[in-house]
N, C-alpha and C. Protein backbone atom coordinates (compact mmCIF):
# COMPACT_ATOMS: atom_id res chain seq x y z
N UNK A 1 77.29 8.63 -1.33
CA UNK A 1 77.62 7.29 -0.74
C UNK A 1 76.56 6.46 -1.82
N UNK A 2 77.21 5.18 -2.37
CA UNK A 2 75.98 4.23 -3.25
C UNK A 2 76.20 2.91 -2.38
N UNK A 3 74.66 2.25 -2.08
CA UNK A 3 75.01 0.92 -1.13
C UNK A 3 75.11 0.06 -2.22
N UNK A 4 75.72 -0.97 -2.32
CA UNK A 4 76.06 -2.38 -2.82
C UNK A 4 74.77 -3.10 -3.17
N UNK A 5 74.45 -3.49 -4.50
CA UNK A 5 73.19 -4.03 -4.53
C UNK A 5 73.29 -5.32 -4.19
N UNK A 6 74.19 -6.05 -3.08
CA UNK A 6 73.86 -7.19 -2.34
C UNK A 6 73.00 -6.54 -1.02
N UNK A 7 73.62 -5.20 -1.13
CA UNK A 7 72.71 -4.68 0.67
C UNK A 7 71.32 -4.45 0.44
N UNK A 8 71.70 -3.43 -1.13
CA UNK A 8 69.82 -3.16 -1.20
C UNK A 8 69.47 -4.45 -1.24
N UNK A 9 69.44 -5.50 -1.93
CA UNK A 9 68.57 -7.37 -2.07
C UNK A 9 68.31 -7.50 -0.49
N UNK A 10 69.12 -7.60 0.10
CA UNK A 10 69.21 -7.82 2.03
C UNK A 10 67.37 -7.08 2.07
N UNK A 11 67.72 -5.57 2.15
CA UNK A 11 67.53 -4.75 3.10
C UNK A 11 65.81 -5.10 2.61
N UNK A 12 65.69 -5.39 1.23
CA UNK A 12 64.46 -5.55 0.42
C UNK A 12 63.81 -6.69 1.10
N UNK A 13 64.74 -7.62 1.33
CA UNK A 13 64.07 -9.19 1.73
C UNK A 13 63.66 -8.92 3.16
N UNK A 14 64.63 -8.12 3.82
CA UNK A 14 63.58 -8.02 5.10
C UNK A 14 63.02 -7.02 5.45
N UNK A 15 62.56 -6.14 5.18
CA UNK A 15 61.15 -5.46 4.56
C UNK A 15 60.47 -5.95 4.21
N UNK A 16 60.35 -7.80 3.39
CA UNK A 16 59.38 -8.17 2.89
C UNK A 16 59.21 -9.08 4.16
N UNK A 17 59.87 -9.74 4.50
CA UNK A 17 59.66 -10.68 5.60
C UNK A 17 58.55 -10.09 6.78
N UNK A 18 59.43 -8.60 6.89
CA UNK A 18 58.52 -8.42 8.28
C UNK A 18 57.24 -7.91 8.06
N UNK A 19 57.03 -7.17 6.63
CA UNK A 19 55.66 -6.95 6.52
C UNK A 19 54.49 -7.58 7.10
N UNK A 20 53.64 -6.94 7.44
CA UNK A 20 52.79 -5.67 7.30
C UNK A 20 54.11 -4.52 8.36
N UNK A 21 54.49 -5.29 9.56
CA UNK A 21 55.58 -4.16 10.06
C UNK A 21 56.30 -3.29 9.69
N UNK A 22 56.81 -2.65 10.14
CA UNK A 22 57.93 -2.01 9.69
C UNK A 22 59.40 -2.96 10.06
N UNK A 23 60.44 -2.66 9.26
CA UNK A 23 61.25 -3.60 9.61
C UNK A 23 62.48 -2.18 9.92
N UNK A 24 63.18 -3.00 9.88
CA UNK A 24 64.66 -1.49 10.69
C UNK A 24 66.07 -2.07 10.66
N UNK A 25 67.00 -1.32 11.02
CA UNK A 25 68.31 -2.24 10.89
C UNK A 25 69.61 -0.95 10.71
N UNK A 26 70.71 -1.03 10.69
CA UNK A 26 72.52 -0.61 10.48
C UNK A 26 72.59 -0.83 9.44
N UNK A 27 73.55 -0.28 8.38
CA UNK A 27 74.48 -0.70 7.89
C UNK A 27 75.35 -0.46 8.08
N UNK A 28 76.65 -1.07 8.17
CA UNK A 28 78.26 -0.73 8.33
C UNK A 28 79.18 -0.42 7.28
N UNK A 29 80.40 -0.39 7.44
CA UNK A 29 81.37 -0.58 6.50
C UNK A 29 82.36 0.39 6.79
N UNK A 30 83.56 -0.81 5.94
CA UNK A 30 84.60 0.22 5.09
C UNK A 30 85.23 0.00 4.00
N UNK A 31 85.18 1.11 3.08
CA UNK A 31 85.48 1.09 1.95
C UNK A 31 84.22 0.81 1.27
N UNK A 32 84.51 -0.99 0.18
CA UNK A 32 83.33 -1.45 -0.56
C UNK A 32 82.77 -2.30 0.23
N UNK A 33 82.91 -2.67 1.12
CA UNK A 33 82.53 -3.71 2.45
C UNK A 33 81.61 -2.93 3.15
N UNK A 34 80.17 -3.68 2.81
CA UNK A 34 79.00 -3.21 3.34
C UNK A 34 78.49 -4.04 4.07
N UNK A 35 77.80 -4.15 5.77
CA UNK A 35 77.27 -4.98 5.79
C UNK A 35 76.01 -4.69 6.60
N UNK A 36 75.17 -5.47 6.55
CA UNK A 36 73.72 -5.21 6.74
C UNK A 36 73.14 -6.23 8.40
N UNK A 37 72.87 -5.13 8.95
CA UNK A 37 72.61 -5.36 10.43
C UNK A 37 70.97 -5.89 10.73
N UNK A 38 70.24 -6.68 10.61
CA UNK A 38 69.01 -6.52 11.11
C UNK A 38 68.39 -6.48 12.22
N UNK A 39 67.76 -5.35 12.82
CA UNK A 39 67.42 -5.28 14.15
C UNK A 39 65.94 -5.79 14.37
N UNK A 40 65.42 -6.10 15.70
CA UNK A 40 64.28 -6.31 16.05
C UNK A 40 63.64 -4.98 16.14
N UNK A 41 62.36 -4.95 15.67
CA UNK A 41 61.64 -3.89 16.04
C UNK A 41 60.61 -3.90 17.19
N UNK A 42 60.84 -3.50 18.27
CA UNK A 42 60.46 -3.81 18.98
C UNK A 42 59.36 -2.58 19.87
N UNK A 43 58.94 -2.08 18.68
CA UNK A 43 57.94 -0.73 18.83
C UNK A 43 56.38 -1.74 18.87
N UNK A 44 56.49 -3.30 18.87
CA UNK A 44 55.12 -3.28 19.67
C UNK A 44 55.29 -3.70 20.63
N UNK A 45 56.20 -3.78 21.09
CA UNK A 45 56.48 -4.42 22.74
C UNK A 45 56.35 -2.93 23.49
N UNK A 46 56.95 -1.99 23.23
CA UNK A 46 57.20 -0.51 23.77
C UNK A 46 55.48 -0.21 23.79
N UNK A 47 54.37 -0.10 22.43
CA UNK A 47 53.08 0.13 22.13
C UNK A 47 52.15 -0.56 23.30
N UNK A 48 52.42 -1.95 23.80
CA UNK A 48 51.90 -2.76 24.89
C UNK A 48 52.11 -2.70 26.47
N UNK A 49 53.33 -1.78 26.34
CA UNK A 49 54.37 -1.77 27.76
C UNK A 49 53.68 -0.18 28.45
N UNK A 50 53.44 0.72 27.43
CA UNK A 50 52.85 1.95 27.77
C UNK A 50 52.59 2.76 26.22
N UNK A 51 51.28 2.45 26.51
CA UNK A 51 50.67 2.79 25.42
C UNK A 51 50.25 4.92 24.76
N UNK A 52 50.46 5.32 25.89
CA UNK A 52 50.49 6.92 26.14
C UNK A 52 51.86 7.59 25.34
N UNK A 53 52.57 6.60 25.67
CA UNK A 53 54.00 7.29 25.56
C UNK A 53 54.28 6.53 23.59
N UNK A 54 54.07 5.52 24.16
CA UNK A 54 54.15 4.67 22.18
C UNK A 54 52.87 4.35 21.54
N UNK A 55 52.35 5.88 21.19
CA UNK A 55 50.68 5.09 20.78
C UNK A 55 50.86 4.65 19.73
N UNK A 56 51.73 4.57 18.70
CA UNK A 56 51.74 3.52 17.07
C UNK A 56 52.14 2.47 17.80
N UNK A 57 51.58 1.16 16.61
CA UNK A 57 52.27 -0.20 16.73
C UNK A 57 53.20 0.14 15.96
N UNK A 58 53.99 -1.01 15.20
CA UNK A 58 54.90 -1.63 14.51
C UNK A 58 54.58 -1.77 12.89
N UNK A 59 53.19 -1.51 12.74
CA UNK A 59 53.04 -1.37 11.74
C UNK A 59 53.20 0.00 11.15
N UNK A 60 52.94 1.21 11.91
CA UNK A 60 53.52 2.72 11.55
C UNK A 60 54.79 3.16 12.14
N UNK A 61 55.56 1.89 13.11
CA UNK A 61 57.02 2.59 13.71
C UNK A 61 57.55 1.69 13.81
N UNK A 62 58.81 2.03 14.43
CA UNK A 62 59.85 1.12 14.49
C UNK A 62 60.64 1.42 15.83
N UNK A 63 61.41 0.57 16.20
CA UNK A 63 62.28 1.17 17.88
C UNK A 63 63.19 -0.38 18.02
N UNK A 64 64.21 0.11 17.74
CA UNK A 64 65.66 -0.35 18.29
C UNK A 64 65.80 -0.36 19.30
N UNK A 65 66.23 -1.35 20.00
CA UNK A 65 66.09 -1.46 21.58
C UNK A 65 67.84 -0.18 21.71
N UNK A 66 68.18 -0.07 22.77
CA UNK A 66 69.74 0.53 22.32
C UNK A 66 70.52 -0.48 22.75
N UNK A 67 70.49 -1.61 23.74
CA UNK A 67 71.31 -2.19 24.13
C UNK A 67 71.58 -2.95 22.75
N UNK A 68 70.66 -3.38 21.46
CA UNK A 68 71.18 -3.94 20.59
C UNK A 68 71.90 -2.76 19.69
N UNK A 69 71.44 -1.70 19.59
CA UNK A 69 71.66 -0.62 18.56
C UNK A 69 73.35 -0.47 19.47
N UNK A 70 73.99 -0.17 20.42
CA UNK A 70 74.92 -0.49 20.83
C UNK A 70 76.14 -1.27 20.37
N UNK A 71 75.92 -2.37 21.29
CA UNK A 71 75.80 -3.54 20.66
C UNK A 71 76.78 -3.37 19.42
N UNK A 72 75.33 -3.45 17.70
CA UNK A 72 76.17 -3.38 16.74
C UNK A 72 76.98 -2.67 16.26
N UNK A 73 77.10 -1.37 16.90
CA UNK A 73 78.12 -0.01 16.42
C UNK A 73 79.09 -0.10 17.69
N UNK A 74 79.37 -0.77 18.68
CA UNK A 74 80.92 -0.94 19.37
C UNK A 74 80.94 -2.13 18.33
N UNK A 75 80.60 -2.70 18.16
CA UNK A 75 81.34 -3.86 17.58
C UNK A 75 81.81 -3.77 15.98
N UNK A 76 81.51 -2.78 15.55
CA UNK A 76 81.94 -2.35 14.22
C UNK A 76 83.00 -1.44 14.36
N UNK A 77 82.75 -0.18 15.17
CA UNK A 77 83.80 0.25 15.13
C UNK A 77 84.96 -0.49 15.81
N UNK A 78 84.93 -1.45 16.62
CA UNK A 78 86.36 -2.28 16.75
C UNK A 78 86.81 -2.51 15.79
N UNK A 79 85.72 -2.65 15.00
CA UNK A 79 86.25 -3.55 13.33
C UNK A 79 86.83 -3.03 13.08
N UNK A 80 86.88 -0.94 12.79
CA UNK A 80 87.25 -0.37 11.72
C UNK A 80 86.06 0.01 10.84
N UNK A 81 85.27 -0.26 11.28
CA UNK A 81 83.50 0.07 10.54
C UNK A 81 83.34 1.49 10.82
N UNK A 82 82.69 1.74 9.95
CA UNK A 82 81.72 3.29 9.99
C UNK A 82 80.21 3.15 10.44
N UNK A 83 79.23 3.50 10.38
CA UNK A 83 77.94 3.80 10.73
C UNK A 83 77.32 4.14 8.98
N UNK A 84 77.48 3.25 7.95
CA UNK A 84 77.25 4.03 6.51
C UNK A 84 75.63 4.64 6.60
N UNK A 85 74.47 3.93 7.16
CA UNK A 85 73.03 3.90 6.76
C UNK A 85 72.56 3.33 8.37
N UNK A 86 71.22 3.92 8.14
CA UNK A 86 70.78 3.33 8.99
C UNK A 86 68.88 3.00 8.35
N UNK A 87 68.19 1.80 8.29
CA UNK A 87 67.49 2.19 7.49
C UNK A 87 66.10 1.40 7.85
N UNK A 88 64.79 1.54 7.63
CA UNK A 88 63.21 0.87 8.32
C UNK A 88 62.69 1.16 6.95
N UNK A 89 61.50 0.58 7.21
CA UNK A 89 60.42 0.60 5.80
C UNK A 89 59.29 1.32 6.04
N UNK A 90 58.59 1.31 4.76
CA UNK A 90 57.20 1.80 5.48
C UNK A 90 56.38 1.15 4.88
N UNK A 91 55.36 0.46 5.80
CA UNK A 91 54.15 -0.51 4.47
C UNK A 91 52.73 -0.02 4.95
N UNK A 92 52.93 0.43 3.42
CA UNK A 92 51.68 0.56 2.41
C UNK A 92 51.47 1.93 2.99
N UNK A 93 52.78 2.64 2.42
CA UNK A 93 53.05 3.95 2.76
C UNK A 93 53.86 4.24 1.27
N UNK A 94 54.50 5.18 1.39
CA UNK A 94 55.87 6.01 0.26
C UNK A 94 56.69 5.94 1.14
N UNK A 95 57.90 6.07 0.17
CA UNK A 95 59.07 6.27 0.90
C UNK A 95 59.21 7.80 1.38
N UNK A 96 59.30 8.06 2.34
CA UNK A 96 59.79 9.69 2.45
C UNK A 96 60.40 9.54 4.31
N UNK A 97 61.03 10.67 4.60
CA UNK A 97 61.39 11.06 5.49
C UNK A 97 60.77 11.36 6.75
N UNK A 98 59.64 10.80 7.84
CA UNK A 98 58.32 11.67 7.87
C UNK A 98 58.72 12.72 9.20
N UNK A 99 58.43 13.53 9.91
CA UNK A 99 58.47 14.07 10.63
C UNK A 99 58.80 13.56 11.68
N UNK A 100 58.16 12.22 12.10
CA UNK A 100 58.16 11.40 13.07
C UNK A 100 60.02 10.99 13.03
N UNK A 101 60.20 10.55 11.93
CA UNK A 101 61.60 9.83 11.48
C UNK A 101 62.71 11.21 11.62
N UNK A 102 62.04 12.76 11.33
CA UNK A 102 63.26 13.21 11.70
C UNK A 102 63.29 13.57 13.11
N UNK A 103 62.47 13.55 13.71
CA UNK A 103 62.09 13.67 15.26
C UNK A 103 63.16 12.31 16.03
N UNK A 104 62.96 11.69 15.73
CA UNK A 104 63.38 10.39 15.99
C UNK A 104 65.06 10.51 15.57
N UNK A 105 65.68 10.91 14.71
CA UNK A 105 67.13 11.14 14.32
C UNK A 105 67.52 11.97 14.69
N UNK A 106 66.98 12.96 15.46
CA UNK A 106 67.48 14.50 16.10
C UNK A 106 66.73 14.77 17.41
N UNK A 107 67.28 14.26 18.56
CA UNK A 107 66.69 14.02 19.54
C UNK A 107 67.66 15.47 20.25
N UNK A 108 68.87 15.38 19.98
CA UNK A 108 69.39 16.36 20.70
C UNK A 108 70.14 17.49 19.48
N UNK A 109 68.93 18.26 18.25
CA UNK A 109 69.22 18.52 17.42
C UNK A 109 69.86 18.32 15.85
N UNK A 110 70.46 17.63 16.26
CA UNK A 110 71.26 17.11 14.89
C UNK A 110 71.04 15.07 15.03
N UNK A 111 71.41 14.57 13.92
CA UNK A 111 71.23 12.52 14.28
C UNK A 111 72.59 12.58 14.91
N UNK A 112 72.67 11.76 15.25
CA UNK A 112 73.65 10.91 16.53
C UNK A 112 75.11 10.30 15.78
N UNK A 113 74.94 9.60 13.72
CA UNK A 113 75.37 9.72 13.02
C UNK A 113 75.48 10.65 11.83
N UNK A 114 75.90 12.08 11.79
CA UNK A 114 75.69 13.04 11.16
C UNK A 114 76.14 12.52 9.46
N UNK A 115 76.84 11.69 9.54
CA UNK A 115 77.43 11.46 8.04
C UNK A 115 76.40 9.99 7.05
N UNK A 116 75.81 9.38 7.72
CA UNK A 116 74.82 8.20 7.97
C UNK A 116 73.81 8.61 6.58
N UNK A 117 73.20 7.92 5.65
CA UNK A 117 72.53 7.50 5.30
C UNK A 117 70.65 7.11 6.00
N UNK A 118 69.64 7.41 5.63
CA UNK A 118 68.84 7.10 6.74
C UNK A 118 67.98 6.57 5.00
N UNK A 119 67.53 5.18 4.99
CA UNK A 119 66.91 4.54 3.98
C UNK A 119 65.15 4.68 4.27
N UNK A 120 64.85 4.54 3.35
CA UNK A 120 63.35 4.03 3.77
C UNK A 120 62.74 3.40 2.48
N UNK A 121 62.43 2.69 2.76
CA UNK A 121 61.83 1.03 1.47
C UNK A 121 60.15 1.27 2.03
N UNK A 122 59.57 1.48 1.02
CA UNK A 122 58.24 1.43 0.83
C UNK A 122 57.80 0.27 0.38
N UNK A 123 56.68 -0.41 1.47
CA UNK A 123 56.54 -2.01 0.63
C UNK A 123 54.87 -1.62 0.79
N UNK A 124 54.45 -2.05 0.00
CA UNK A 124 52.58 -2.20 -1.03
C UNK A 124 52.50 -3.42 -1.75
N UNK A 125 51.07 -3.85 -0.81
CA UNK A 125 50.83 -4.83 -1.62
C UNK A 125 52.01 -6.64 -1.29
N UNK A 126 52.58 -6.66 -0.47
CA UNK A 126 53.74 -7.36 -0.36
C UNK A 126 54.55 -7.47 -1.13
N UNK A 127 55.00 -6.02 -1.81
CA UNK A 127 56.01 -5.46 -2.56
C UNK A 127 56.83 -4.48 -1.95
N UNK A 128 57.85 -4.46 -3.02
CA UNK A 128 58.83 -3.26 -2.69
C UNK A 128 58.47 -2.42 -3.67
N UNK A 129 57.92 -1.30 -3.42
CA UNK A 129 57.45 -0.60 -4.12
C UNK A 129 58.39 0.85 -4.70
N UNK A 130 59.44 1.16 -3.31
CA UNK A 130 60.36 2.18 -4.45
C UNK A 130 61.50 2.56 -2.41
N UNK A 131 62.62 2.77 -2.89
CA UNK A 131 63.76 3.00 -2.28
C UNK A 131 64.11 4.41 -1.83
N UNK A 132 64.08 5.30 -0.86
CA UNK A 132 64.38 6.67 -0.41
C UNK A 132 65.69 6.63 0.05
N UNK A 133 66.83 7.72 0.01
CA UNK A 133 67.66 8.12 1.12
C UNK A 133 67.70 9.28 1.39
N UNK A 134 68.04 9.44 2.58
CA UNK A 134 67.85 11.09 2.61
C UNK A 134 69.30 10.81 4.07
N UNK A 135 70.51 12.37 3.65
CA UNK A 135 71.31 12.74 4.34
C UNK A 135 70.93 14.12 4.57
N UNK A 136 71.62 14.10 6.29
CA UNK A 136 71.63 15.22 6.98
C UNK A 136 72.48 16.43 5.95
N UNK A 137 71.87 17.85 6.48
CA UNK A 137 72.36 18.87 5.62
C UNK A 137 72.74 19.80 7.17
N UNK A 138 74.31 20.00 7.67
CA UNK A 138 73.95 19.99 8.55
C UNK A 138 74.19 21.90 8.57
N UNK A 139 74.06 22.81 7.83
CA UNK A 139 74.32 23.36 8.22
C UNK A 139 72.64 24.28 7.78
N UNK A 140 71.68 23.32 7.30
CA UNK A 140 70.24 24.14 7.47
C UNK A 140 69.87 23.10 7.90
N UNK A 141 70.09 22.21 8.89
CA UNK A 141 69.69 21.05 9.58
C UNK A 141 68.08 20.68 8.81
N UNK A 142 68.78 19.85 8.30
CA UNK A 142 67.41 19.14 7.22
C UNK A 142 68.29 17.99 6.78
N UNK A 143 66.87 16.87 6.24
CA UNK A 143 67.56 16.03 6.23
C UNK A 143 66.78 16.25 4.46
N UNK A 144 68.09 16.07 3.15
CA UNK A 144 67.32 16.12 1.36
C UNK A 144 67.59 14.42 1.08
N UNK A 145 67.01 14.57 0.40
CA UNK A 145 66.81 13.05 -1.02
C UNK A 145 68.32 12.97 -1.40
N UNK A 146 68.98 11.97 -1.22
CA UNK A 146 69.96 11.75 -1.63
C UNK A 146 69.92 10.37 -2.73
N UNK A 147 70.69 10.21 -3.47
CA UNK A 147 70.36 8.73 -4.73
C UNK A 147 71.84 8.21 -4.10
N UNK A 148 71.05 6.70 -3.47
CA UNK A 148 72.08 5.67 -3.12
C UNK A 148 72.26 4.49 -3.75
N UNK A 149 71.75 4.44 -5.06
CA UNK A 149 71.69 2.76 -5.45
C UNK A 149 72.33 2.95 -6.56
């Protein structure tokens, strides 16, 4: 799957707006229509409320409120759309799918949306440095890099 240029531009803008914190969001769509849903990263709030359970802040982690996530997914499904991708940024780090990313996406052994892309945007010195996409391979139970632009 390829992301539309407008979608890529929008997630780049989102990652720059949230810098130095990580941004996060969902891309839904049907056919060639792709919609970016910018989500609030509530990692700082989670960290403040329970630093033992959430030791990292929003500079190195993201957390989407499940109510917001479910609202976006439900609305999209009612409109006949599917979840095309989930995205987040890495501030001052490369675009890679970290062990934490894998753990967050495979809580029950595989992703909630196994056909969705996972997009990671690297932002360094207030500039988009790179973007990489990752796809789940069910047989091997791994994420692998895939071209999506």
